[in-house]
Amino acid sequence: MKRSKWINVARELKGNKLGIAAVILLFIIALAAIFAFLSSKDPNQINALERLKPPSKAHWFGTDDYGRDTFTRALYGGRVSLSVGFLSMIFATVIGVTVGIISGYFGGWLDSLLMRLLDIVMSIPSFLILLLLSVYLKPSVGNIIVIISLLMWMSIARVVRAETMALKEREYVLYAKASGQSAFGIIWKHILPGLLSVIIVSATNNIASAIMMESSLSFLGFGVQAPDATWGSMLNGAQGYVVNAPYMALFPGLLIFVTVLCFNILGDILRIGLEPKLGKR
């Protein structure tokens, strides 16, 4: 990837106060999740005497219906939610890039077959597929990552396919073909480097999508099971206390909103900096 593109990203970020704020917030949220173990409170410790306490110095985000510290649970929940987001993005990107390159580079019947299969799967509402898979797979972090990855790779595959079809017609790629280089060698040396900016932009946006999917599943009770916390499961547990203890839903909901928003803002900045043509759309 050309160094000038990263210079464009830095320039775009420097002139975007909202983007700078998004990066700082994501950094803080990530650090808080990573170092959640430094909290003096146990996220799963039940204390009947501390039930539904409002935010205070002792409990920054208050306590839930089991007397557990909501702030500590939010820290540990963030670790799970962010991990699911990043790992789902990685697996989905690997699958999507592989399928997209194969389809776009080789074309022909293989391209038609892969794209028709893609059209069929994408015609089914994603959330319906999420629910169906969640019913038949045991709720766990690993299964949630698999489910989300299987849904997200398709959008990446389409973008990569389109870009690959354009790249394979470039002069340097045609020259490589004429000189007898293998298909794998051409893809590795010439196609893949040209796709990096598109992949990075798509991957960043998909982290936000994965976090939203995980939160939705956990909110509906199909995600990570109790007593482990995620932001979505914390929202699920707060359903019956929206009036009496609104902070139970406020803080995890706010964390989901801010995190997803920040990743989307960062994705827009990367799109404008790395892919100016896409950024203008």
Protein backbone atom coordinates (compact mmCIF):
# COMPACT_ATOMS: atom_id res chain seq x y z
CA MET A 1 0.00 0.00 0.00
CA LYS A 2 1.32 3.42 -0.92
CA ARG A 3 2.65 5.53 1.91
CA SER A 4 0.80 8.53 0.49
CA LYS A 5 -2.52 6.90 1.34
CA TRP A 6 -1.62 6.72 5.02
CA ILE A 7 -0.51 10.34 4.81
CA ASN A 8 -3.99 11.12 3.46
CA VAL A 9 -5.53 9.26 6.41
CA ALA A 10 -3.37 11.17 8.90
CA ARG A 11 -4.28 14.46 7.21
CA GLU A 12 -7.97 13.58 7.22
CA LEU A 13 -7.84 12.57 10.87
CA LYS A 14 -5.90 15.67 11.88
CA GLY A 15 -8.56 17.92 10.42
CA ASN A 16 -11.45 15.96 11.87
CA LYS A 17 -12.10 16.67 15.55
CA LEU A 18 -14.85 14.06 15.64
CA GLY A 19 -12.42 11.50 14.26
CA ILE A 20 -9.80 12.34 16.87
CA ALA A 21 -12.42 12.02 19.60
CA ALA A 22 -13.49 8.65 18.17
CA VAL A 23 -9.93 7.31 18.20
CA ILE A 24 -9.38 8.51 21.78
CA LEU A 25 -12.65 7.00 22.98
CA LEU A 26 -11.92 3.66 21.29
CA PHE A 27 -8.47 3.65 22.86
CA ILE A 28 -9.93 4.29 26.32
CA ILE A 29 -12.66 1.65 25.90
CA ALA A 30 -10.15 -0.92 24.66
CA LEU A 31 -7.75 -0.22 27.53
CA ALA A 32 -10.57 -0.43 30.07
CA ALA A 33 -11.64 -3.80 28.68
CA ILE A 34 -8.11 -5.18 28.55
CA PHE A 35 -7.31 -4.14 32.12
CA ALA A 36 -10.71 -5.01 33.56
CA PHE A 37 -8.99 -7.44 35.92
CA LEU A 38 -7.54 -4.48 37.81
CA SER A 39 -10.98 -3.69 39.19
CA SER A 40 -11.25 -4.46 42.89
CA LYS A 41 -14.75 -5.89 42.45
CA ASP A 42 -15.82 -9.31 41.22
CA PRO A 43 -18.18 -8.92 38.23
CA ASN A 44 -20.19 -11.99 39.27
CA GLN A 45 -20.29 -11.49 43.03
CA ILE A 46 -23.89 -11.43 44.26
CA ASN A 47 -24.77 -9.13 47.16
CA ALA A 48 -28.44 -9.05 48.12
CA LEU A 49 -27.86 -6.03 50.36
CA GLU A 50 -26.61 -3.94 47.42
CA ARG A 51 -29.44 -4.63 44.95
CA LEU A 52 -30.41 -1.84 42.53
CA LYS A 53 -28.20 0.81 44.07
CA PRO A 54 -27.97 3.99 41.98
CA PRO A 55 -24.60 5.29 40.72
CA SER A 56 -22.35 6.42 43.57
CA LYS A 57 -18.69 6.66 44.56
CA ALA A 58 -18.77 3.02 45.62
CA HIS A 59 -20.54 1.88 42.45
CA TRP A 60 -19.92 4.25 39.54
CA PHE A 61 -22.60 2.69 37.32
CA GLY A 62 -24.77 1.47 40.20
CA THR A 63 -25.62 -2.18 40.87
CA ASP A 64 -27.93 -4.64 39.15
CA ASP A 65 -30.78 -6.77 40.48
CA TYR A 66 -28.27 -9.21 42.00
CA GLY A 67 -26.23 -6.51 43.70
CA ARG A 68 -23.35 -6.88 41.24
CA ASP A 69 -21.27 -3.84 40.36
CA THR A 70 -22.47 -2.64 36.95
CA PHE A 71 -19.26 -0.77 36.15
CA THR A 72 -17.11 -3.86 36.65
CA ARG A 73 -19.52 -5.97 34.62
CA ALA A 74 -19.41 -3.37 31.86
CA LEU A 75 -15.61 -3.62 31.80
CA TYR A 76 -15.65 -7.40 31.53
CA GLY A 77 -18.59 -7.27 29.14
CA GLY A 78 -16.63 -4.90 26.93
CA ARG A 79 -13.81 -7.42 26.77
CA VAL A 80 -16.20 -10.04 25.39
CA SER A 81 -18.04 -7.69 23.04
CA LEU A 82 -14.84 -6.23 21.59
CA SER A 83 -13.23 -9.68 21.29
CA VAL A 84 -16.25 -10.96 19.39
CA GLY A 85 -16.14 -7.90 17.15
CA PHE A 86 -12.45 -8.22 16.29
CA LEU A 87 -12.33 -12.01 15.91
CA SER A 88 -15.51 -12.09 13.83
CA MET A 89 -14.04 -9.39 11.62
CA ILE A 90 -10.81 -11.36 11.14
CA PHE A 91 -12.54 -14.62 10.21
CA ALA A 92 -15.09 -12.89 7.99
CA THR A 93 -12.35 -10.93 6.24
CA VAL A 94 -10.29 -14.05 5.54
CA ILE A 95 -13.31 -15.87 4.08
CA GLY A 96 -14.61 -12.86 2.17
CA VAL A 97 -11.24 -11.92 0.68
CA THR A 98 -10.56 -15.52 -0.38
CA VAL A 99 -13.94 -15.95 -2.06
CA GLY A 100 -13.85 -12.47 -3.59
CA ILE A 101 -10.40 -12.91 -5.11
CA ILE A 102 -11.16 -16.38 -6.48
CA SER A 103 -14.44 -15.20 -7.97
CA GLY A 104 -13.08 -11.96 -9.40
CA TYR A 105 -9.77 -13.28 -10.71
CA PHE A 106 -10.84 -16.56 -12.31
CA GLY A 107 -14.32 -15.47 -13.41
CA GLY A 108 -16.33 -17.78 -15.66
CA TRP A 109 -18.59 -20.48 -14.26
CA LEU A 110 -16.87 -20.33 -10.88
CA ASP A 111 -17.66 -16.64 -10.53
CA SER A 112 -21.27 -17.21 -11.59
CA LEU A 113 -21.70 -20.08 -9.14
CA LEU A 114 -20.22 -18.22 -6.18
CA MET A 115 -22.18 -15.05 -6.88
CA ARG A 116 -25.49 -16.90 -7.28
CA LEU A 117 -24.91 -18.68 -3.97
CA LEU A 118 -24.09 -15.32 -2.46
CA ASP A 119 -27.29 -13.80 -3.84
CA ILE A 120 -29.38 -16.63 -2.39
CA VAL A 121 -27.88 -16.34 1.09
CA MET A 122 -28.01 -12.54 1.09
CA SER A 123 -31.69 -12.61 0.12
CA ILE A 124 -32.46 -14.19 3.50
CA PRO A 125 -32.72 -11.63 6.35
CA SER A 126 -29.47 -11.74 8.31
CA PHE A 127 -31.17 -11.56 11.68
CA LEU A 128 -33.34 -14.56 10.82
CA ILE A 129 -30.21 -16.57 10.02
CA LEU A 130 -28.66 -15.36 13.26
CA LEU A 131 -31.62 -16.57 15.29
CA LEU A 132 -31.84 -19.93 13.51
CA LEU A 133 -28.15 -20.67 13.95
CA SER A 134 -28.27 -19.54 17.58
CA VAL A 135 -31.10 -21.96 18.31
CA TYR A 136 -29.19 -24.97 16.97
CA LEU A 137 -25.74 -24.03 18.29
CA LYS A 138 -24.90 -24.01 21.98
CA PRO A 139 -24.54 -20.41 23.20
CA SER A 140 -20.85 -19.62 23.64
CA VAL A 141 -18.37 -16.98 22.60
CA GLY A 142 -16.85 -19.31 19.99
CA ASN A 143 -20.19 -20.13 18.40
CA ILE A 144 -21.23 -16.47 18.36
CA ILE A 145 -18.01 -15.61 16.51
CA VAL A 146 -18.65 -18.40 13.99
CA ILE A 147 -22.25 -17.30 13.42
CA ILE A 148 -21.37 -13.64 12.92
CA SER A 149 -18.40 -14.48 10.68
CA LEU A 150 -20.62 -16.61 8.45
CA LEU A 151 -22.90 -13.63 7.92
CA MET A 152 -20.36 -10.85 7.47
CA TRP A 153 -18.01 -12.35 4.88
CA MET A 154 -20.50 -11.92 2.04
CA SER A 155 -20.38 -8.13 1.90
CA ILE A 156 -16.57 -8.22 1.93
CA ALA A 157 -16.55 -10.82 -0.85
CA ARG A 158 -18.62 -8.58 -3.13
CA VAL A 159 -16.37 -5.56 -2.64
CA VAL A 160 -13.18 -7.60 -3.09
CA ARG A 161 -14.55 -9.33 -6.20
CA ALA A 162 -15.36 -6.01 -7.88
CA GLU A 163 -11.94 -4.57 -7.06
CA THR A 164 -10.17 -7.75 -8.17
CA MET A 165 -11.93 -7.66 -11.54
CA ALA A 166 -10.61 -4.13 -12.04
CA LEU A 167 -7.08 -4.93 -10.85
CA LYS A 168 -6.62 -7.98 -13.05
CA GLU A 169 -6.98 -5.77 -16.13
CA ARG A 170 -4.11 -3.49 -15.09
CA GLU A 171 -1.04 -3.52 -17.31
CA TYR A 172 1.33 -4.87 -14.68
CA VAL A 173 -1.00 -7.80 -14.00
CA LEU A 174 -1.38 -8.55 -17.71
CA TYR A 175 2.39 -8.40 -18.07
CA ALA A 176 2.80 -10.82 -15.17
CA LYS A 177 0.40 -13.24 -16.86
CA ALA A 178 2.24 -12.94 -20.17
CA SER A 179 5.57 -13.60 -18.46
CA GLY A 180 4.27 -16.93 -17.19
CA GLN A 181 3.74 -16.20 -13.51
CA SER A 182 1.36 -18.55 -11.73
CA ALA A 183 -2.11 -17.42 -10.72
CA PHE A 184 -1.18 -17.70 -7.05
CA GLY A 185 1.96 -15.64 -7.60
CA ILE A 186 0.04 -12.91 -9.41
CA ILE A 187 -2.65 -12.80 -6.73
CA TRP A 188 -0.09 -12.68 -3.92
CA LYS A 189 2.27 -10.14 -5.49
CA HIS A 190 -0.05 -7.91 -7.50
CA ILE A 191 -3.73 -8.36 -6.62
CA LEU A 192 -3.67 -8.64 -2.83
CA PRO A 193 -1.49 -5.55 -2.23
CA GLY A 194 -3.91 -3.54 -4.36
CA LEU A 195 -6.81 -4.72 -2.22
CA LEU A 196 -5.37 -3.77 1.17
CA SER A 197 -7.02 -0.36 1.42
CA VAL A 198 -10.45 -1.79 0.52
CA ILE A 199 -9.97 -4.64 2.99
CA ILE A 200 -8.97 -2.31 5.83
CA VAL A 201 -11.97 -0.05 5.29
CA SER A 202 -14.40 -2.98 5.11
CA ALA A 203 -12.86 -4.66 8.14
CA THR A 204 -13.16 -1.53 10.28
CA ASN A 205 -16.84 -1.13 9.49
CA ASN A 206 -17.45 -4.83 10.09
CA ILE A 207 -16.15 -4.59 13.65
CA ALA A 208 -19.04 -2.23 14.40
CA SER A 209 -21.49 -4.58 12.68
CA ALA A 210 -20.20 -7.57 14.64
CA ILE A 211 -20.55 -5.75 17.96
CA MET A 212 -24.13 -4.84 17.06
CA MET A 213 -24.94 -8.43 16.07
CA GLU A 214 -23.45 -9.83 19.27
CA SER A 215 -25.29 -7.27 21.37
CA SER A 216 -28.57 -8.08 19.62
CA LEU A 217 -28.15 -11.81 20.17
CA SER A 218 -27.20 -11.36 23.81
CA PHE A 219 -30.09 -8.96 24.34
CA LEU A 220 -32.48 -11.62 23.04
CA GLY A 221 -30.88 -14.25 25.25
CA PHE A 222 -29.13 -16.20 22.48
CA GLY A 223 -25.63 -14.91 23.14
CA VAL A 224 -23.16 -15.44 25.96
CA GLN A 225 -24.99 -16.92 28.92
CA ALA A 226 -25.08 -15.88 32.58
CA PRO A 227 -23.24 -15.22 34.75
CA ASP A 228 -20.76 -13.94 32.14
CA ALA A 229 -21.53 -10.43 30.97
CA THR A 230 -21.59 -8.72 27.62
CA TRP A 231 -23.08 -5.32 26.91
CA GLY A 232 -26.02 -6.99 25.17
CA SER A 233 -26.71 -9.40 28.03
CA MET A 234 -26.60 -6.50 30.48
CA LEU A 235 -29.32 -4.80 28.44
CA ASN A 236 -31.28 -8.03 28.53
CA GLY A 237 -31.05 -8.14 32.31
CA ALA A 238 -32.18 -4.52 32.56
CA GLN A 239 -35.47 -4.99 30.71
CA GLY A 240 -37.56 -5.30 33.84
CA TYR A 241 -35.95 -2.34 35.58
CA VAL A 242 -36.16 0.44 33.00
CA VAL A 243 -38.37 2.51 35.30
CA ASN A 244 -36.93 1.65 38.73
CA ALA A 245 -33.27 1.42 37.72
CA PRO A 246 -32.79 3.02 34.29
CA TYR A 247 -29.01 3.18 34.75
CA MET A 248 -28.88 -0.62 34.32
CA ALA A 249 -29.77 -0.13 30.66
CA LEU A 250 -28.28 3.33 30.20
CA PHE A 251 -24.60 2.54 30.64
CA PRO A 252 -24.26 -0.66 28.57
CA GLY A 253 -26.51 0.86 25.92
CA LEU A 254 -24.36 3.98 25.85
CA LEU A 255 -21.19 1.90 25.54
CA ILE A 256 -22.61 0.00 22.57
CA PHE A 257 -23.74 3.23 20.92
CA VAL A 258 -20.45 5.06 21.44
CA THR A 259 -18.28 2.11 20.37
CA VAL A 260 -20.24 1.41 17.20
CA LEU A 261 -20.40 5.11 16.34
CA CYS A 262 -16.64 5.52 16.84
CA PHE A 263 -15.83 2.56 14.60
CA ASN A 264 -18.15 3.94 11.92
CA ILE A 265 -16.50 7.35 12.13
CA LEU A 266 -13.06 5.74 11.91
CA GLY A 267 -14.24 3.68 8.94
CA ASP A 268 -15.39 6.83 7.14
CA ILE A 269 -12.03 8.51 7.73
CA LEU A 270 -10.17 5.46 6.44
CA ARG A 271 -12.46 5.32 3.41
CA ILE A 272 -11.79 8.93 2.51
CA GLY A 273 -8.05 8.62 3.11
CA LEU A 274 -7.41 5.22 1.55
CA GLU A 275 -10.12 5.15 -1.10
CA PRO A 276 -10.99 8.73 -2.12
CA LYS A 277 -13.31 7.50 -4.89
CA LEU A 278 -15.36 5.50 -2.39
CA GLY A 279 -15.31 8.35 0.08
CA LYS A 280 -17.04 10.66 -2.39
CA ARG A 281 -19.96 8.30 -2.90
